[in-house]
């Protein structure tokens, strides 16, 4: 579930625009920075400002606990999300995941936000192999296997005036 916008968000207008340019030109973009720099808040703000450009929707998945990612991905296909089938909730988890992953590879533009994504193996498992989905990660990790095609957008702490 996508977090609500922060009414106090500020000081990162340039980062939001830089991020928009990166997402427009790359399929997988990572907001990179140390803990406490506002990576997640930047992703939330980006989703609220630019989410309407993704006709297939915006989907938020926390990667903080890798063992729970599959449940969150499956939820993307259910009621109030992609509504892939009327009986989606009655399907087995593997069937739900198959439907969601297949939908993510369609040409429909979607924004997938993978928050707190630190492990290459976990990203590799959930990264769509094609289609219209764009993936935005938040991460502390500065380098990724080149085969994953991750474009990094580093951010640092805000200055005292901006924060």
Protein backbone atom coordinates (compact mmCIF):
# COMPACT_ATOMS: atom_id res chain seq x y z
CA UNK A 1 0.00 0.00 0.00
CA UNK A 2 1.38 3.37 -1.01
CA UNK A 3 2.04 5.75 1.88
CA UNK A 4 0.09 9.01 2.07
CA UNK A 5 1.79 12.18 0.83
CA UNK A 6 3.72 14.19 3.38
CA UNK A 7 2.23 17.71 3.59
CA UNK A 8 5.56 18.92 5.02
CA UNK A 9 7.65 17.56 2.13
CA UNK A 10 10.10 20.16 0.90
CA UNK A 11 13.67 20.90 -0.01
CA UNK A 12 13.96 18.20 -2.64
CA UNK A 13 12.26 19.75 -5.68
CA UNK A 14 15.44 19.38 -7.72
CA UNK A 15 15.78 15.74 -6.67
CA UNK A 16 12.17 15.02 -7.69
CA UNK A 17 12.78 16.52 -11.14
CA UNK A 18 16.09 14.66 -11.52
CA UNK A 19 14.35 11.45 -10.51
CA UNK A 20 11.56 12.06 -13.06
CA UNK A 21 14.13 12.46 -15.83
CA UNK A 22 15.86 9.23 -14.77
CA UNK A 23 12.61 7.24 -14.60
CA UNK A 24 11.64 8.55 -18.03
CA UNK A 25 14.89 7.30 -19.59
CA UNK A 26 15.54 4.09 -17.60
CA UNK A 27 13.36 1.13 -16.63
CA UNK A 28 14.94 0.58 -13.20
CA UNK A 29 16.05 3.53 -11.08
CA UNK A 30 17.43 3.47 -7.54
CA UNK A 31 17.26 6.34 -5.08
CA UNK A 32 20.54 5.79 -3.28
CA UNK A 33 21.60 7.24 0.05
CA UNK A 34 22.44 6.48 3.66
CA UNK A 35 19.81 5.91 6.33
CA UNK A 36 17.84 8.99 7.27
CA UNK A 37 18.30 10.94 4.02
CA UNK A 38 14.64 10.75 3.00
CA UNK A 39 14.79 8.16 0.22
CA UNK A 40 11.35 6.78 1.01
CA UNK A 41 9.81 10.24 1.35
CA UNK A 42 11.29 11.18 -2.03
CA UNK A 43 9.78 8.04 -3.59
CA UNK A 44 6.39 8.84 -2.02
CA UNK A 45 6.51 12.39 -3.35
CA UNK A 46 7.52 11.16 -6.80
CA UNK A 47 4.61 8.69 -6.82
CA UNK A 48 2.12 11.38 -5.86
CA UNK A 49 3.42 13.92 -8.38
CA UNK A 50 3.95 11.58 -11.33
CA UNK A 51 1.78 8.53 -10.62
CA UNK A 52 -0.94 9.68 -13.00
CA UNK A 53 1.47 9.12 -15.90
CA UNK A 54 1.39 5.37 -15.21
CA UNK A 55 -1.99 4.24 -16.58
CA UNK A 56 -1.63 0.78 -15.08
CA UNK A 57 -1.18 2.16 -11.57
CA UNK A 58 1.42 2.62 -8.86
CA UNK A 59 2.33 -0.34 -6.65
CA UNK A 60 4.33 -0.12 -3.42
CA UNK A 61 6.24 -3.16 -2.14
CA UNK A 62 8.44 -3.10 0.94
CA UNK A 63 11.56 -5.23 0.58
CA UNK A 64 12.56 -4.71 4.24
CA UNK A 65 11.62 -8.33 5.02
CA UNK A 66 12.43 -10.35 1.88
CA UNK A 67 10.30 -13.30 3.03
CA UNK A 68 7.18 -11.09 2.92
CA UNK A 69 7.68 -9.67 -0.57
CA UNK A 70 5.67 -12.43 -2.25
CA UNK A 71 2.57 -11.60 -0.17
CA UNK A 72 2.84 -7.91 -1.05
CA UNK A 73 3.36 -8.65 -4.75
CA UNK A 74 0.32 -10.94 -4.75
CA UNK A 75 -1.76 -8.18 -3.12
CA UNK A 76 -1.03 -6.01 -6.18
CA UNK A 77 -3.35 -8.19 -8.24
CA UNK A 78 -6.35 -8.14 -5.92
CA UNK A 79 -9.37 -5.95 -5.32
CA UNK A 80 -8.58 -2.25 -5.10
CA UNK A 81 -5.32 -2.77 -6.99
CA UNK A 82 -5.12 -4.35 -10.48
CA UNK A 83 -8.34 -6.37 -9.98
CA UNK A 84 -6.96 -9.10 -12.23
CA UNK A 85 -9.82 -11.57 -11.68
CA UNK A 86 -13.05 -11.58 -9.68
CA UNK A 87 -11.91 -14.76 -7.91
CA UNK A 88 -8.33 -13.55 -7.36
CA UNK A 89 -8.54 -13.79 -3.55
CA UNK A 90 -9.52 -17.48 -3.76
CA UNK A 91 -6.52 -18.44 -5.90
CA UNK A 92 -3.41 -20.09 -4.47
CA UNK A 93 -0.51 -17.72 -3.77
CA UNK A 94 1.57 -19.15 -6.64
CA UNK A 95 -1.29 -18.53 -9.07
CA UNK A 96 -1.75 -14.98 -7.78
CA UNK A 97 1.99 -14.30 -8.18
CA UNK A 98 1.99 -15.71 -11.71
CA UNK A 99 -0.88 -13.40 -12.72
CA UNK A 100 0.72 -10.31 -11.17
CA UNK A 101 4.14 -10.96 -12.67
CA UNK A 102 2.57 -11.57 -16.08
CA UNK A 103 0.59 -8.30 -15.78
CA UNK A 104 3.75 -6.42 -14.84
CA UNK A 105 5.29 -7.56 -18.15
CA UNK A 106 2.44 -6.18 -20.25
CA UNK A 107 3.01 -2.97 -22.20
CA UNK A 108 0.74 -1.00 -19.85
CA UNK A 109 2.82 1.67 -18.04
CA UNK A 110 3.08 0.90 -14.32
CA UNK A 111 5.26 2.26 -11.55
CA UNK A 112 6.58 -0.35 -9.13
CA UNK A 113 8.13 1.10 -5.98
CA UNK A 114 10.44 -1.34 -4.23
CA UNK A 115 11.21 0.28 -0.89
CA UNK A 116 14.30 -0.69 1.12
CA UNK A 117 15.63 -3.03 -1.58
CA UNK A 118 19.15 -4.11 -0.64
CA UNK A 119 19.67 -7.62 -2.06
CA UNK A 120 20.44 -8.30 -5.72
CA UNK A 121 18.99 -11.81 -5.55
CA UNK A 122 15.66 -10.52 -4.24
CA UNK A 123 15.51 -7.74 -6.83
CA UNK A 124 16.35 -10.20 -9.60
CA UNK A 125 13.46 -12.43 -8.50
CA UNK A 126 10.83 -9.65 -8.68
CA UNK A 127 12.13 -7.37 -11.44
CA UNK A 128 9.88 -7.55 -14.53
CA UNK A 129 11.78 -8.86 -17.54
CA UNK A 130 10.05 -6.54 -20.00
CA UNK A 131 6.90 -4.58 -20.66
CA UNK A 132 5.84 -1.11 -19.65
CA UNK A 133 6.62 -1.27 -15.94
CA UNK A 134 9.18 1.11 -14.48
CA UNK A 135 10.79 0.18 -11.16
CA UNK A 136 11.87 2.73 -8.57
CA UNK A 137 13.96 1.40 -5.69
CA UNK A 138 15.00 2.99 -2.44
CA UNK A 139 18.29 1.58 -1.23
CA UNK A 140 21.54 2.17 0.63
CA UNK A 141 23.32 -0.04 -1.90
CA UNK A 142 25.53 1.96 -4.28
CA UNK A 143 26.49 -0.75 -6.78
CA UNK A 144 24.38 -3.36 -8.55
CA UNK A 145 25.10 -6.16 -11.00
CA UNK A 146 25.12 -4.47 -14.42
CA UNK A 147 22.77 -7.16 -15.77
CA UNK A 148 20.00 -5.74 -13.54
CA UNK A 149 20.15 -2.41 -15.40
CA UNK A 150 19.83 -0.26 -12.28
CA UNK A 151 20.44 3.48 -12.75
CA UNK A 152 21.40 5.12 -9.46
CA UNK A 153 20.24 8.56 -8.37
CA UNK A 154 22.25 9.46 -5.28
CA UNK A 155 20.83 11.79 -2.67
CA UNK A 156 22.47 13.23 0.39
CA UNK A 157 21.25 14.87 3.55
CA UNK A 158 19.36 18.14 3.28
CA UNK A 159 20.96 21.34 4.47
CA UNK A 160 19.70 22.87 7.70
CA UNK A 161 17.56 25.47 5.88
CA UNK A 162 15.95 22.90 3.57
CA UNK A 163 15.36 20.27 6.28
